[in-house]
Each structure stands twice: as C-alpha cells, then as structure tokens.
Amino acid sequence: MRFTPTVFLAARPLAAALALSVLPQLARAADNFPSRPIRMIIPSGAGGITDILGRVIAPKLGDSLGQQVVVDNRPGASGVVGSNIVAKSAPDGYTLLMVFPSHPVNQSLYRDVPYDTVKAFAPITLVSAVSPVLIVNSQFPAGSVPELIAIAKEKPGQLNHGSVGSGSMGHLGAELFRSMAGIRFTQVTYKGAPQSLTALLAGEIQFYLIGSAGTVVPHVKAGRLKALGVGAKQRIAALPEVPPIADTLPGYEARGWNGILAPAGTPRPVIERLNREIVKVVRSPEFNQVLASEGATAIGNTPAEFDAVIRADVQKWAKIVRDAGIRAE
C-alpha cells in the first residue's frame, strides 16, 4: 500500500491511540510478572560452562520469583539457532537467553544471521567473565610472553597454535595476539579443548590460548604446562602468579563471558526485576563457588553496562574477523 500524505496523517492518531491502549496492558503485565513459568534458552549443548551456569541460576531464580525457570538447550551454529528463537519470542520476560562469547561474534562470522545482535535483544546482566590463558608445553623454550613472541619472529609461520574452531574465543584471542605482536603462526583446529591440550602435551602444537583457566591449573601445578599470560587486563585468582598479556602488549584483552538477555521491547520494569533477582543469585557464595571451579568470576552488572560490553565486543571482534579473513566452518 502506498501512503498519501492524507492517509499518513490519518494513520498517525490511530497508531498513537493503539500505542496508548497497549501501554496500560504492558504495565499491568509487568506488575504481575511473573505469573507463569519462564523458559531460559541455552543456545549450546548440555555439559558446557554456559549450560552449567544456566542450570545453577535457573532454580535459584525460580525460587526468588515464585515461578519455575525451565532450562531449554537449543544448540546450533555457535548459538545462532537458540538466539533466534528468543529474538522472535514475545517481549514479555517469559523467554530468556543465556549467551556466551560467540554471541557478539556471530554477526561477523556468519553471512545470514537472522537477527541484529544489538537491536534484537534487551540485556539484563552480565553473569560472569572468564580469562583465556596462554599456555605452552613445559619443554618449550619460552618462559614468558616476550620470549614466545621472539621465537615466533625467529620462525615466522613455523609455530602451531591450537584452536577449537573458527570464532571461538581462543581462536579470536590468538588472532588479536598475532596482530598486536606482529608475528605469524599456523592455526590447527581440533574438535575441542581436550584434544588441543593433548596435542600441546604431545608437542604437535607449540602454544594454545585456552578459553578457561579451570582446565589448565592442574597441569600447570603438575609441571606439565607453563602458563605465560592471561587474556584479562588483570591477574586472575586461579593463576595469581601469571601476568596479563597486556603487560607485554598494552591494550590486549580477550575474555569470555556469559550473560542473560530478553527479547527487545521487554518492559523496563520486567528487565529491572529480572536484573535484581539474577544479580542476587550471581553474587551468592554458592554461585561463586561454581565459578571458581571453572576459573571464572562473578559480574552482575546493570543492563546498560552489559549493553556496552556487547556493543564494544561486536565492533572489536568484527575487525579481527575481517582482518584475519575468518569464516564459519
């Protein structure tokens, strides 16, 4: 239909009236929220860190809200499948999404993501953050980040780095490392972190930026691996003696995180209620104990702060994906 100026002017009061009639309904729904069970979609398979954290949060959030929170795993395409379900869901607070580091990357990694990463969701809170750790075999000659960089420059393209797939935090963090250090190396892809660690221990690869410290600590303490640096800007509790990579490459930061989103347009009172209750769970001693075992730390910030994190990561990793020519596998 083609609008004439007259039709358009006539339509505006009607649209305004409809909007005003909907506002009280949204306000009443927000006042009564929640009045039925909530679904929390985990866009990954069972057993991973995102699934573990979601299943810890769900029952505690349900207790505080007085309604059951049901976990629903919908893996596929690095989180795109599950995220799309939430993006297309009613913006009423009854469908939530627990996202992981691939969320701000997917828009650049895939050609046809069916939603806008920033505009399709309403951030609630950043739940946790985890720092990648740069590790080498105990027999590898480098004992620090500067020494690793020096060896890589002496042998351009000859060092192998382990990766668990295109767009993973370890892969992107390594590409950021490559760019800032001015070195060349070869990315070798493995099915998962256990296979990459096995390859590192066997000498098939020379270094590996693993996504979480939790898996690394026992190997470091046993002397099988050396941790050269962490991706966070500060030292981390799991490996307090290991300096940030940023000490060598100022401005370097690569960190993973988990957070909770709702569909865009969810009423502000509902977002604020969910934020308050989820932050209580995130900052509880029980939840922090789970995070510590994974080498992660609790965050629990505001919706606006989480929104800023997502927007910054979308831009940051888009440049890395573009410059490195990374494509989804």
C-alpha atoms as a PDB file:
ATOM      1  CA  MET A   1       0.000   0.000   0.000  1.00  0.00           C
ATOM      2  CA  ARG A   2       1.221   3.497  -0.878  1.00  0.00           C
ATOM      3  CA  PHE A   3       0.565   6.165   1.734  1.00  0.00           C
ATOM      4  CA  THR A   4      -0.643   9.568   0.564  1.00  0.00           C
ATOM      5  CA  PRO A   5       0.004  12.493   2.914  1.00  0.00           C
ATOM      6  CA  THR A   6      -3.699  12.491   3.887  1.00  0.00           C
ATOM      7  CA  VAL A   7      -3.727   8.758   4.675  1.00  0.00           C
ATOM      8  CA  PHE A   8      -0.492   9.048   6.609  1.00  0.00           C
ATOM      9  CA  LEU A   9      -1.797  11.928   8.737  1.00  0.00           C
ATOM     10  CA  ALA A  10      -4.962   9.995   9.422  1.00  0.00           C
ATOM     11  CA  ALA A  11      -2.999   6.892  10.386  1.00  0.00           C
ATOM     12  CA  ARG A  12      -0.833   8.689  12.934  1.00  0.00           C
ATOM     13  CA  PRO A  13      -3.582   9.384  15.501  1.00  0.00           C
ATOM     14  CA  LEU A  14      -4.788   5.785  15.116  1.00  0.00           C
ATOM     15  CA  ALA A  15      -1.277   4.420  15.749  1.00  0.00           C
ATOM     16  CA  ALA A  16      -0.878   6.724  18.726  1.00  0.00           C
ATOM     17  CA  ALA A  17      -4.203   5.584  20.142  1.00  0.00           C
ATOM     18  CA  LEU A  18      -3.266   1.941  19.727  1.00  0.00           C
ATOM     19  CA  ALA A  19       0.075   2.536  21.429  1.00  0.00           C
ATOM     20  CA  LEU A  20      -1.629   4.273  24.351  1.00  0.00           C
ATOM     21  CA  SER A  21      -4.093   1.395  24.703  1.00  0.00           C
ATOM     22  CA  VAL A  22      -1.246  -1.138  24.826  1.00  0.00           C
ATOM     23  CA  LEU A  23       0.810   0.722  27.453  1.00  0.00           C
ATOM     24  CA  PRO A  24      -1.574   0.035  30.373  1.00  0.00           C
ATOM     25  CA  GLN A  25      -1.671  -3.644  29.419  1.00  0.00           C
ATOM     26  CA  LEU A  26       2.133  -3.810  29.470  1.00  0.00           C
ATOM     27  CA  ALA A  27       2.212  -2.004  32.802  1.00  0.00           C
ATOM     28  CA  ARG A  28      -0.286  -4.440  34.330  1.00  0.00           C
ATOM     29  CA  ALA A  29       1.640  -7.410  32.935  1.00  0.00           C
ATOM     30  CA  ALA A  30       4.853  -6.029  34.407  1.00  0.00           C
ATOM     31  CA  ASP A  31       3.185  -5.513  37.790  1.00  0.00           C
ATOM     32  CA  ASN A  32       2.034  -9.152  37.833  1.00  0.00           C
ATOM     33  CA  PHE A  33       5.318 -10.561  36.490  1.00  0.00           C
ATOM     34  CA  PRO A  34       5.887 -13.448  36.629  1.00  0.00           C
ATOM     35  CA  SER A  35       2.520 -15.196  36.600  1.00  0.00           C
ATOM     36  CA  ARG A  36       3.666 -18.379  34.828  1.00  0.00           C
ATOM     37  CA  PRO A  37       6.893 -20.390  34.295  1.00  0.00           C
ATOM     38  CA  ILE A  38       9.836 -18.795  32.500  1.00  0.00           C
ATOM     39  CA  ARG A  39      11.903 -20.509  29.808  1.00  0.00           C
ATOM     40  CA  MET A  40      15.667 -19.955  29.758  1.00  0.00           C
ATOM     41  CA  ILE A  41      17.130 -20.977  26.427  1.00  0.00           C
ATOM     42  CA  ILE A  42      20.747 -22.171  26.456  1.00  0.00           C
ATOM     43  CA  PRO A  43      21.989 -21.931  22.830  1.00  0.00           C
ATOM     44  CA  SER A  44      24.560 -24.702  23.357  1.00  0.00           C
ATOM     45  CA  GLY A  45      24.623 -28.358  24.308  1.00  0.00           C
ATOM     46  CA  ALA A  46      24.472 -29.839  27.782  1.00  0.00           C
ATOM     47  CA  GLY A  47      27.619 -30.012  29.896  1.00  0.00           C
ATOM     48  CA  GLY A  48      29.445 -26.852  28.831  1.00  0.00           C
ATOM     49  CA  ILE A  49      30.092 -23.847  31.060  1.00  0.00           C
ATOM     50  CA  THR A  50      27.056 -21.947  29.727  1.00  0.00           C
ATOM     51  CA  ASP A  51      24.773 -24.913  30.430  1.00  0.00           C
ATOM     52  CA  ILE A  52      26.303 -25.447  33.883  1.00  0.00           C
ATOM     53  CA  LEU A  53      25.816 -21.824  34.917  1.00  0.00           C
ATOM     54  CA  GLY A  54      22.305 -21.688  33.472  1.00  0.00           C
ATOM     55  CA  ARG A  55      21.283 -24.767  35.446  1.00  0.00           C
ATOM     56  CA  VAL A  56      22.652 -23.253  38.655  1.00  0.00           C
ATOM     57  CA  ILE A  57      20.880 -19.935  38.100  1.00  0.00           C
ATOM     58  CA  ALA A  58      17.500 -21.311  36.947  1.00  0.00           C
ATOM     59  CA  PRO A  59      16.252 -22.958  40.172  1.00  0.00           C
ATOM     60  CA  LYS A  60      17.530 -20.159  42.400  1.00  0.00           C
ATOM     61  CA  LEU A  61      15.941 -17.530  40.168  1.00  0.00           C
ATOM     62  CA  GLY A  62      12.730 -19.553  40.186  1.00  0.00           C
ATOM     63  CA  ASP A  63      12.703 -19.601  43.983  1.00  0.00           C
ATOM     64  CA  SER A  64      13.114 -15.824  44.221  1.00  0.00           C
ATOM     65  CA  LEU A  65      10.500 -15.111  41.524  1.00  0.00           C
ATOM     66  CA  GLY A  66       7.991 -17.668  42.761  1.00  0.00           C
ATOM     67  CA  GLN A  67       7.760 -19.347  39.341  1.00  0.00           C
ATOM     68  CA  GLN A  68       9.684 -22.224  37.784  1.00  0.00           C
ATOM     69  CA  VAL A  69      12.514 -21.330  35.387  1.00  0.00           C
ATOM     70  CA  VAL A  70      12.900 -24.137  32.850  1.00  0.00           C
ATOM     71  CA  VAL A  71      16.209 -24.662  31.029  1.00  0.00           C
ATOM     72  CA  ASP A  72      15.838 -25.436  27.322  1.00  0.00           C
ATOM     73  CA  ASN A  73      19.008 -26.381  25.381  1.00  0.00           C
ATOM     74  CA  ARG A  74      18.844 -25.295  21.723  1.00  0.00           C
ATOM     75  CA  PRO A  75      22.373 -25.711  20.282  1.00  0.00           C
ATOM     76  CA  GLY A  76      23.448 -24.967  16.734  1.00  0.00           C
ATOM     77  CA  ALA A  77      25.562 -22.556  14.662  1.00  0.00           C
ATOM     78  CA  SER A  78      27.571 -21.209  17.620  1.00  0.00           C
ATOM     79  CA  GLY A  79      24.414 -20.113  19.391  1.00  0.00           C
ATOM     80  CA  VAL A  80      22.532 -18.627  16.438  1.00  0.00           C
ATOM     81  CA  VAL A  81      19.746 -21.248  16.500  1.00  0.00           C
ATOM     82  CA  GLY A  82      18.805 -20.677  20.138  1.00  0.00           C
ATOM     83  CA  SER A  83      19.328 -16.925  19.961  1.00  0.00           C
ATOM     84  CA  ASN A  84      16.962 -16.643  17.007  1.00  0.00           C
ATOM     85  CA  ILE A  85      14.210 -18.350  18.991  1.00  0.00           C
ATOM     86  CA  VAL A  86      14.495 -15.697  21.690  1.00  0.00           C
ATOM     87  CA  ALA A  87      14.820 -12.829  19.197  1.00  0.00           C
ATOM     88  CA  LYS A  88      11.465 -13.879  17.695  1.00  0.00           C
ATOM     89  CA  SER A  89       9.733 -14.529  21.048  1.00  0.00           C
ATOM     90  CA  ALA A  90       7.164 -12.275  22.709  1.00  0.00           C
ATOM     91  CA  PRO A  91       8.871  -9.442  24.630  1.00  0.00           C
ATOM     92  CA  ASP A  92       7.227 -10.243  27.946  1.00  0.00           C
ATOM     93  CA  GLY A  93      10.063 -11.623  30.086  1.00  0.00           C
ATOM     94  CA  TYR A  94       8.966 -15.244  29.839  1.00  0.00           C
ATOM     95  CA  THR A  95      11.687 -16.265  27.369  1.00  0.00           C
ATOM     96  CA  LEU A  96      15.306 -15.575  28.350  1.00  0.00           C
ATOM     97  CA  LEU A  97      18.613 -16.303  26.650  1.00  0.00           C
ATOM     98  CA  MET A  98      21.903 -17.292  28.310  1.00  0.00           C
ATOM     99  CA  VAL A  99      24.619 -16.215  25.868  1.00  0.00           C
ATOM    100  CA  PHE A 100      28.350 -16.926  25.622  1.00  0.00           C
ATOM    101  CA  PRO A 101      31.334 -15.254  23.864  1.00  0.00           C
ATOM    102  CA  SER A 102      30.258 -16.226  20.341  1.00  0.00           C
ATOM    103  CA  HIS A 103      27.152 -14.034  20.646  1.00  0.00           C
ATOM    104  CA  PRO A 104      28.818 -10.723  19.651  1.00  0.00           C
ATOM    105  CA  VAL A 105      30.985 -12.508  17.047  1.00  0.00           C
ATOM    106  CA  ASN A 106      28.316 -14.344  15.063  1.00  0.00           C
ATOM    107  CA  GLN A 107      27.095 -11.253  13.208  1.00  0.00           C
ATOM    108  CA  SER A 108      30.533 -11.023  11.555  1.00  0.00           C
ATOM    109  CA  LEU A 109      31.230 -14.746  11.304  1.00  0.00           C
ATOM    110  CA  TYR A 110      28.032 -15.858   9.530  1.00  0.00           C
ATOM    111  CA  ARG A 111      26.642 -14.314   6.354  1.00  0.00           C
ATOM    112  CA  ASP A 112      22.934 -14.544   7.184  1.00  0.00           C
ATOM    113  CA  VAL A 113      22.341 -14.200  10.918  1.00  0.00           C
ATOM    114  CA  PRO A 114      18.541 -13.803  11.145  1.00  0.00           C
ATOM    115  CA  TYR A 115      18.591 -11.087  13.810  1.00  0.00           C
ATOM    116  CA  ASP A 116      20.542  -7.981  14.780  1.00  0.00           C
ATOM    117  CA  THR A 117      22.849  -8.830  17.701  1.00  0.00           C
ATOM    118  CA  VAL A 118      22.458  -5.400  19.303  1.00  0.00           C
ATOM    119  CA  LYS A 119      18.896  -4.417  18.380  1.00  0.00           C
ATOM    120  CA  ALA A 120      17.051  -7.738  18.764  1.00  0.00           C
ATOM    121  CA  PHE A 121      17.718  -8.205  22.480  1.00  0.00           C
ATOM    122  CA  ALA A 122      17.318  -6.411  25.786  1.00  0.00           C
ATOM    123  CA  PRO A 123      20.361  -7.011  28.018  1.00  0.00           C
ATOM    124  CA  ILE A 124      19.613  -7.994  31.622  1.00  0.00           C
ATOM    125  CA  THR A 125      23.014  -8.625  33.207  1.00  0.00           C
ATOM    126  CA  LEU A 126      26.483  -9.956  32.570  1.00  0.00           C
ATOM    127  CA  VAL A 127      26.692 -13.059  34.750  1.00  0.00           C
ATOM    128  CA  SER A 128      30.383 -13.958  34.701  1.00  0.00           C
ATOM    129  CA  ALA A 129      33.700 -13.438  32.973  1.00  0.00           C
ATOM    130  CA  VAL A 130      36.497 -15.894  32.304  1.00  0.00           C
ATOM    131  CA  SER A 131      40.031 -15.242  31.119  1.00  0.00           C
ATOM    132  CA  PRO A 132      41.767 -17.273  28.420  1.00  0.00           C
ATOM    133  CA  VAL A 133      45.259 -18.482  29.375  1.00  0.00           C
ATOM    134  CA  LEU A 134      48.244 -18.626  27.031  1.00  0.00           C
ATOM    135  CA  ILE A 135      49.986 -21.969  27.668  1.00  0.00           C
ATOM    136  CA  VAL A 136      52.951 -23.910  26.286  1.00  0.00           C
ATOM    137  CA  ASN A 137      54.424 -27.348  26.853  1.00  0.00           C
ATOM    138  CA  SER A 138      56.825 -27.442  29.810  1.00  0.00           C
ATOM    139  CA  GLN A 139      59.636 -28.390  27.385  1.00  0.00           C
ATOM    140  CA  PHE A 140      59.043 -25.409  25.099  1.00  0.00           C
ATOM    141  CA  PRO A 141      61.895 -22.878  25.489  1.00  0.00           C
ATOM    142  CA  ALA A 142      59.709 -19.800  26.026  1.00  0.00           C
ATOM    143  CA  GLY A 143      59.037 -18.963  29.650  1.00  0.00           C
ATOM    144  CA  SER A 144      57.251 -15.651  29.090  1.00  0.00           C
ATOM    145  CA  VAL A 145      55.134 -13.828  26.540  1.00  0.00           C
ATOM    146  CA  PRO A 146      58.088 -11.730  25.248  1.00  0.00           C
ATOM    147  CA  GLU A 147      60.132 -14.915  24.766  1.00  0.00           C
ATOM    148  CA  LEU A 148      57.279 -16.586  22.846  1.00  0.00           C
ATOM    149  CA  ILE A 149      56.988 -13.539  20.591  1.00  0.00           C
ATOM    150  CA  ALA A 150      60.756 -13.551  19.989  1.00  0.00           C
ATOM    151  CA  ILE A 151      60.718 -17.243  18.986  1.00  0.00           C
ATOM    152  CA  ALA A 152      57.719 -16.678  16.692  1.00  0.00           C
ATOM    153  CA  LYS A 153      59.583 -13.851  14.960  1.00  0.00           C
ATOM    154  CA  GLU A 154      62.668 -16.031  14.524  1.00  0.00           C
ATOM    155  CA  LYS A 155      60.496 -18.790  12.997  1.00  0.00           C
ATOM    156  CA  PRO A 156      57.715 -17.000  11.093  1.00  0.00           C
ATOM    157  CA  GLY A 157      54.824 -19.332  10.323  1.00  0.00           C
ATOM    158  CA  GLN A 158      56.541 -22.352  11.892  1.00  0.00           C
ATOM    159  CA  LEU A 159      54.809 -22.349  15.283  1.00  0.00           C
ATOM    160  CA  ASN A 160      51.425 -24.039  15.580  1.00  0.00           C
ATOM    161  CA  HIS A 161      48.578 -22.745  17.724  1.00  0.00           C
ATOM    162  CA  GLY A 162      45.670 -24.938  18.817  1.00  0.00           C
ATOM    163  CA  SER A 163      42.093 -23.855  18.130  1.00  0.00           C
ATOM    164  CA  VAL A 164      38.685 -25.379  18.833  1.00  0.00           C
ATOM    165  CA  GLY A 165      37.060 -23.729  15.808  1.00  0.00           C
ATOM    166  CA  SER A 166      36.510 -20.530  13.873  1.00  0.00           C
ATOM    167  CA  GLY A 167      35.222 -17.716  16.022  1.00  0.00           C
ATOM    168  CA  SER A 168      35.993 -19.373  19.360  1.00  0.00           C
ATOM    169  CA  MET A 169      37.469 -17.086  21.998  1.00  0.00           C
ATOM    170  CA  GLY A 170      40.812 -18.909  21.821  1.00  0.00           C
ATOM    171  CA  HIS A 171      40.899 -18.507  18.040  1.00  0.00           C
ATOM    172  CA  LEU A 172      39.976 -14.815  18.098  1.00  0.00           C
ATOM    173  CA  GLY A 173      42.251 -14.086  21.039  1.00  0.00           C
ATOM    174  CA  ALA A 174      45.152 -15.713  19.196  1.00  0.00           C
ATOM    175  CA  GLU A 175      44.429 -13.642  16.089  1.00  0.00           C
ATOM    176  CA  LEU A 176      44.394 -10.493  18.218  1.00  0.00           C
ATOM    177  CA  PHE A 177      47.724 -11.650  19.700  1.00  0.00           C
ATOM    178  CA  ARG A 178      49.100 -12.203  16.189  1.00  0.00           C
ATOM    179  CA  SER A 179      48.021  -8.745  15.068  1.00  0.00           C
ATOM    180  CA  MET A 180      49.367  -6.861  18.076  1.00  0.00           C
ATOM    181  CA  ALA A 181      52.640  -8.833  18.314  1.00  0.00           C
ATOM    182  CA  GLY A 182      53.363  -8.672  14.594  1.00  0.00           C
ATOM    183  CA  ILE A 183      54.025 -12.399  14.251  1.00  0.00           C
ATOM    184  CA  ARG A 184      52.911 -15.281  12.018  1.00  0.00           C
ATOM    185  CA  PHE A 185      51.876 -18.778  13.066  1.00  0.00           C
ATOM    186  CA  THR A 186      49.621 -21.616  11.903  1.00  0.00           C
ATOM    187  CA  GLN A 187      46.189 -22.282  13.369  1.00  0.00           C
ATOM    188  CA  VAL A 188      45.499 -26.004  13.852  1.00  0.00           C
ATOM    189  CA  THR A 189      41.855 -26.851  14.558  1.00  0.00           C
ATOM    190  CA  TYR A 190      40.782 -29.613  16.951  1.00  0.00           C
ATOM    191  CA  LYS A 191      37.390 -30.923  17.978  1.00  0.00           C
ATOM    192  CA  GLY A 192      37.601 -29.463  21.477  1.00  0.00           C
ATOM    193  CA  ALA A 193      39.810 -28.267  24.316  1.00  0.00           C
ATOM    194  CA  PRO A 194      40.745 -31.789  25.495  1.00  0.00           C
ATOM    195  CA  GLN A 195      42.095 -32.660  22.044  1.00  0.00           C
ATOM    196  CA  SER A 196      44.012 -29.373  21.843  1.00  0.00           C
ATOM    197  CA  LEU A 197      45.555 -29.974  25.262  1.00  0.00           C
ATOM    198  CA  THR A 198      46.580 -33.492  24.244  1.00  0.00           C
ATOM    199  CA  ALA A 199      48.224 -32.086  21.115  1.00  0.00           C
ATOM    200  CA  LEU A 200      50.075 -29.473  23.191  1.00  0.00           C
ATOM    201  CA  LEU A 201      51.332 -32.075  25.646  1.00  0.00           C
ATOM    202  CA  ALA A 202      52.460 -34.254  22.716  1.00  0.00           C
ATOM    203  CA  GLY A 203      54.302 -31.371  21.032  1.00  0.00           C
ATOM    204  CA  GLU A 204      52.031 -31.287  17.948  1.00  0.00           C
ATOM    205  CA  ILE A 205      51.334 -27.617  18.639  1.00  0.00           C
ATOM    206  CA  GLN A 206      53.628 -25.158  20.374  1.00  0.00           C
ATOM    207  CA  PHE A 207      51.155 -22.903  22.174  1.00  0.00           C
ATOM    208  CA  TYR A 208      47.470 -22.640  22.929  1.00  0.00           C
ATOM    209  CA  LEU A 209      45.238 -19.827  24.174  1.00  0.00           C
ATOM    210  CA  ILE A 210      42.731 -21.926  26.078  1.00  0.00           C
ATOM    211  CA  GLY A 211      39.374 -20.362  26.859  1.00  0.00           C
ATOM    212  CA  SER A 212      39.254 -21.103  30.590  1.00  0.00           C
ATOM    213  CA  ALA A 213      41.791 -21.362  33.405  1.00  0.00           C
ATOM    214  CA  GLY A 214      39.842 -24.104  35.178  1.00  0.00           C
ATOM    215  CA  THR A 215      41.172 -26.888  32.952  1.00  0.00           C
ATOM    216  CA  VAL A 216      44.731 -25.591  32.956  1.00  0.00           C
ATOM    217  CA  VAL A 217      45.528 -25.175  36.661  1.00  0.00           C
ATOM    218  CA  PRO A 218      46.127 -28.882  37.466  1.00  0.00           C
ATOM    219  CA  HIS A 219      48.525 -29.241  34.505  1.00  0.00           C
ATOM    220  CA  VAL A 220      50.418 -26.084  35.467  1.00  0.00           C
ATOM    221  CA  LYS A 221      50.742 -27.166  39.098  1.00  0.00           C
ATOM    222  CA  ALA A 222      51.955 -30.604  37.999  1.00  0.00           C
ATOM    223  CA  GLY A 223      54.632 -29.019  35.800  1.00  0.00           C
ATOM    224  CA  ARG A 224      53.283 -30.424  32.542  1.00  0.00           C
ATOM    225  CA  LEU A 225      52.410 -27.000  31.141  1.00  0.00           C
ATOM    226  CA  LYS A 226      53.630 -23.433  31.567  1.00  0.00           C
ATOM    227  CA  ALA A 227      51.171 -20.538  31.728  1.00  0.00           C
ATOM    228  CA  LEU A 228      52.752 -17.469  30.129  1.00  0.00           C
ATOM    229  CA  GLY A 229      49.945 -14.934  30.277  1.00  0.00           C
ATOM    230  CA  VAL A 230      46.234 -14.344  30.784  1.00  0.00           C
ATOM    231  CA  GLY A 231      43.851 -12.571  28.436  1.00  0.00           C
ATOM    232  CA  ALA A 232      42.235 -10.452  31.158  1.00  0.00           C
ATOM    233  CA  LYS A 233      43.571  -6.991  31.927  1.00  0.00           C
ATOM    234  CA  GLN A 234      44.406  -8.032  35.491  1.00  0.00           C
ATOM    235  CA  ARG A 235      45.831 -11.154  37.073  1.00  0.00           C
ATOM    236  CA  ILE A 236      43.270 -13.810  37.900  1.00  0.00           C
ATOM    237  CA  ALA A 237      42.678 -15.650  41.164  1.00  0.00           C
ATOM    238  CA  ALA A 238      43.125 -19.101  39.610  1.00  0.00           C
ATOM    239  CA  LEU A 239      46.681 -18.269  38.463  1.00  0.00           C
ATOM    240  CA  PRO A 240      47.770 -15.247  40.506  1.00  0.00           C
ATOM    241  CA  GLU A 241      51.433 -15.569  39.530  1.00  0.00           C
ATOM    242  CA  VAL A 242      50.721 -15.313  35.784  1.00  0.00           C
ATOM    243  CA  PRO A 243      50.855 -11.767  34.323  1.00  0.00           C
ATOM    244  CA  PRO A 244      48.356 -10.341  31.826  1.00  0.00           C
ATOM    245  CA  ILE A 245      49.391 -10.488  28.169  1.00  0.00           C
ATOM    246  CA  ALA A 246      48.678  -6.745  28.248  1.00  0.00           C
ATOM    247  CA  ASP A 247      51.853  -6.274  30.303  1.00  0.00           C
ATOM    248  CA  THR A 248      53.721  -7.104  27.077  1.00  0.00           C
ATOM    249  CA  LEU A 249      51.149  -5.902  24.544  1.00  0.00           C
ATOM    250  CA  PRO A 250      49.455  -2.812  26.055  1.00  0.00           C
ATOM    251  CA  GLY A 251      45.741  -2.766  25.357  1.00  0.00           C
ATOM    252  CA  TYR A 252      45.443  -6.505  24.737  1.00  0.00           C
ATOM    253  CA  GLU A 253      42.306  -8.047  26.194  1.00  0.00           C
ATOM    254  CA  ALA A 254      40.498 -11.275  25.353  1.00  0.00           C
ATOM    255  CA  ARG A 255      37.933 -12.586  27.764  1.00  0.00           C
ATOM    256  CA  GLY A 256      34.948 -14.827  27.599  1.00  0.00           C
ATOM    257  CA  TRP A 257      31.683 -14.136  29.357  1.00  0.00           C
ATOM    258  CA  ASN A 258      28.172 -15.356  29.965  1.00  0.00           C
ATOM    259  CA  GLY A 259      25.147 -13.119  30.229  1.00  0.00           C
ATOM    260  CA  ILE A 260      21.367 -13.132  30.116  1.00  0.00           C
ATOM    261  CA  LEU A 261      19.179 -11.367  27.551  1.00  0.00           C
ATOM    262  CA  ALA A 262      15.473 -10.966  26.835  1.00  0.00           C
ATOM    263  CA  PRO A 263      13.774 -10.065  23.543  1.00  0.00           C
ATOM    264  CA  ALA A 264      13.944  -6.379  22.593  1.00  0.00           C
ATOM    265  CA  GLY A 265      10.872  -4.476  23.740  1.00  0.00           C
ATOM    266  CA  THR A 266      10.534  -6.320  27.050  1.00  0.00           C
ATOM    267  CA  PRO A 267       9.024  -3.803  29.527  1.00  0.00           C
ATOM    268  CA  ARG A 268      11.602  -1.939  31.577  1.00  0.00           C
ATOM    269  CA  PRO A 269      10.018  -2.942  34.949  1.00  0.00           C
ATOM    270  CA  VAL A 270      10.354  -6.612  33.945  1.00  0.00           C
ATOM    271  CA  ILE A 271      14.006  -6.154  32.938  1.00  0.00           C
ATOM    272  CA  GLU A 272      14.722  -4.369  36.219  1.00  0.00           C
ATOM    273  CA  ARG A 273      13.019  -7.103  38.270  1.00  0.00           C
ATOM    274  CA  LEU A 274      14.953  -9.840  36.467  1.00  0.00           C
ATOM    275  CA  ASN A 275      18.184  -7.894  36.873  1.00  0.00           C
ATOM    276  CA  ARG A 276      17.711  -7.537  40.643  1.00  0.00           C
ATOM    277  CA  GLU A 277      16.921 -11.198  41.168  1.00  0.00           C
ATOM    278  CA  ILE A 278      19.619 -12.577  38.859  1.00  0.00           C
ATOM    279  CA  VAL A 279      22.295 -10.328  40.364  1.00  0.00           C
ATOM    280  CA  LYS A 280      21.396 -11.684  43.828  1.00  0.00           C
ATOM    281  CA  VAL A 281      21.998 -15.215  42.551  1.00  0.00           C
ATOM    282  CA  VAL A 282      25.219 -14.273  40.757  1.00  0.00           C
ATOM    283  CA  ARG A 283      26.679 -12.666  43.868  1.00  0.00           C
ATOM    284  CA  SER A 284      25.769 -15.529  46.194  1.00  0.00           C
ATOM    285  CA  PRO A 285      28.559 -17.631  47.778  1.00  0.00           C
ATOM    286  CA  GLU A 286      27.158 -20.817  46.235  1.00  0.00           C
ATOM    287  CA  PHE A 287      27.306 -19.438  42.706  1.00  0.00           C
ATOM    288  CA  ASN A 288      30.792 -18.051  43.225  1.00  0.00           C
ATOM    289  CA  GLN A 289      31.945 -21.485  44.320  1.00  0.00           C
ATOM    290  CA  VAL A 290      30.758 -22.915  40.996  1.00  0.00           C
ATOM    291  CA  LEU A 291      32.510 -20.100  39.115  1.00  0.00           C
ATOM    292  CA  ALA A 292      35.768 -20.651  40.999  1.00  0.00           C
ATOM    293  CA  SER A 293      35.849 -24.280  39.880  1.00  0.00           C
ATOM    294  CA  GLU A 294      35.624 -23.046  36.275  1.00  0.00           C
ATOM    295  CA  GLY A 295      38.244 -20.327  36.716  1.00  0.00           C
ATOM    296  CA  ALA A 296      35.590 -17.630  36.266  1.00  0.00           C
ATOM    297  CA  THR A 297      34.493 -14.599  38.297  1.00  0.00           C
ATOM    298  CA  ALA A 298      31.045 -13.171  39.038  1.00  0.00           C
ATOM    299  CA  ILE A 299      29.941  -9.879  37.497  1.00  0.00           C
ATOM    300  CA  GLY A 300      26.266  -8.995  37.978  1.00  0.00           C
ATOM    301  CA  ASN A 301      26.140  -5.539  36.361  1.00  0.00           C
ATOM    302  CA  THR A 302      23.345  -3.280  35.087  1.00  0.00           C
ATOM    303  CA  PRO A 303      21.502  -3.720  31.771  1.00  0.00           C
ATOM    304  CA  ALA A 304      23.198  -0.581  30.416  1.00  0.00           C
ATOM    305  CA  GLU A 305      26.653  -1.847  31.393  1.00  0.00           C
ATOM    306  CA  PHE A 306      26.012  -5.220  29.777  1.00  0.00           C
ATOM    307  CA  ASP A 307      24.730  -3.477  26.638  1.00  0.00           C
ATOM    308  CA  ALA A 308      28.008  -1.521  26.451  1.00  0.00           C
ATOM    309  CA  VAL A 309      30.021  -4.765  26.702  1.00  0.00           C
ATOM    310  CA  ILE A 310      28.066  -6.350  23.834  1.00  0.00           C
ATOM    311  CA  ARG A 311      28.398  -3.295  21.585  1.00  0.00           C
ATOM    312  CA  ALA A 312      32.136  -2.994  22.236  1.00  0.00           C
ATOM    313  CA  ASP A 313      32.739  -6.703  21.548  1.00  0.00           C
ATOM    314  CA  VAL A 314      30.688  -6.617  18.333  1.00  0.00           C
ATOM    315  CA  GLN A 315      32.975  -3.904  16.960  1.00  0.00           C
ATOM    316  CA  LYS A 316      36.222  -5.315  18.347  1.00  0.00           C
ATOM    317  CA  TRP A 317      35.814  -8.868  17.061  1.00  0.00           C
ATOM    318  CA  ALA A 318      34.301  -7.754  13.735  1.00  0.00           C
ATOM    319  CA  LYS A 319      37.622  -6.116  12.926  1.00  0.00           C
ATOM    320  CA  ILE A 320      39.596  -9.232  13.897  1.00  0.00           C
ATOM    321  CA  VAL A 321      37.281 -11.498  11.870  1.00  0.00           C
ATOM    322  CA  ARG A 322      37.542  -9.194   8.853  1.00  0.00           C
ATOM    323  CA  ASP A 323      41.311  -8.651   9.017  1.00  0.00           C
ATOM    324  CA  ALA A 324      42.045 -12.372   9.508  1.00  0.00           C
ATOM    325  CA  GLY A 325      39.539 -13.473   6.871  1.00  0.00           C
ATOM    326  CA  ILE A 326      37.792 -15.830   9.306  1.00  0.00           C
ATOM    327  CA  ARG A 327      34.708 -17.694   8.123  1.00  0.00           C
ATOM    328  CA  ALA A 328      32.316 -20.002   9.932  1.00  0.00           C
ATOM    329  CA  GLU A 329      33.227 -23.677   9.475  1.00  0.00           C
END
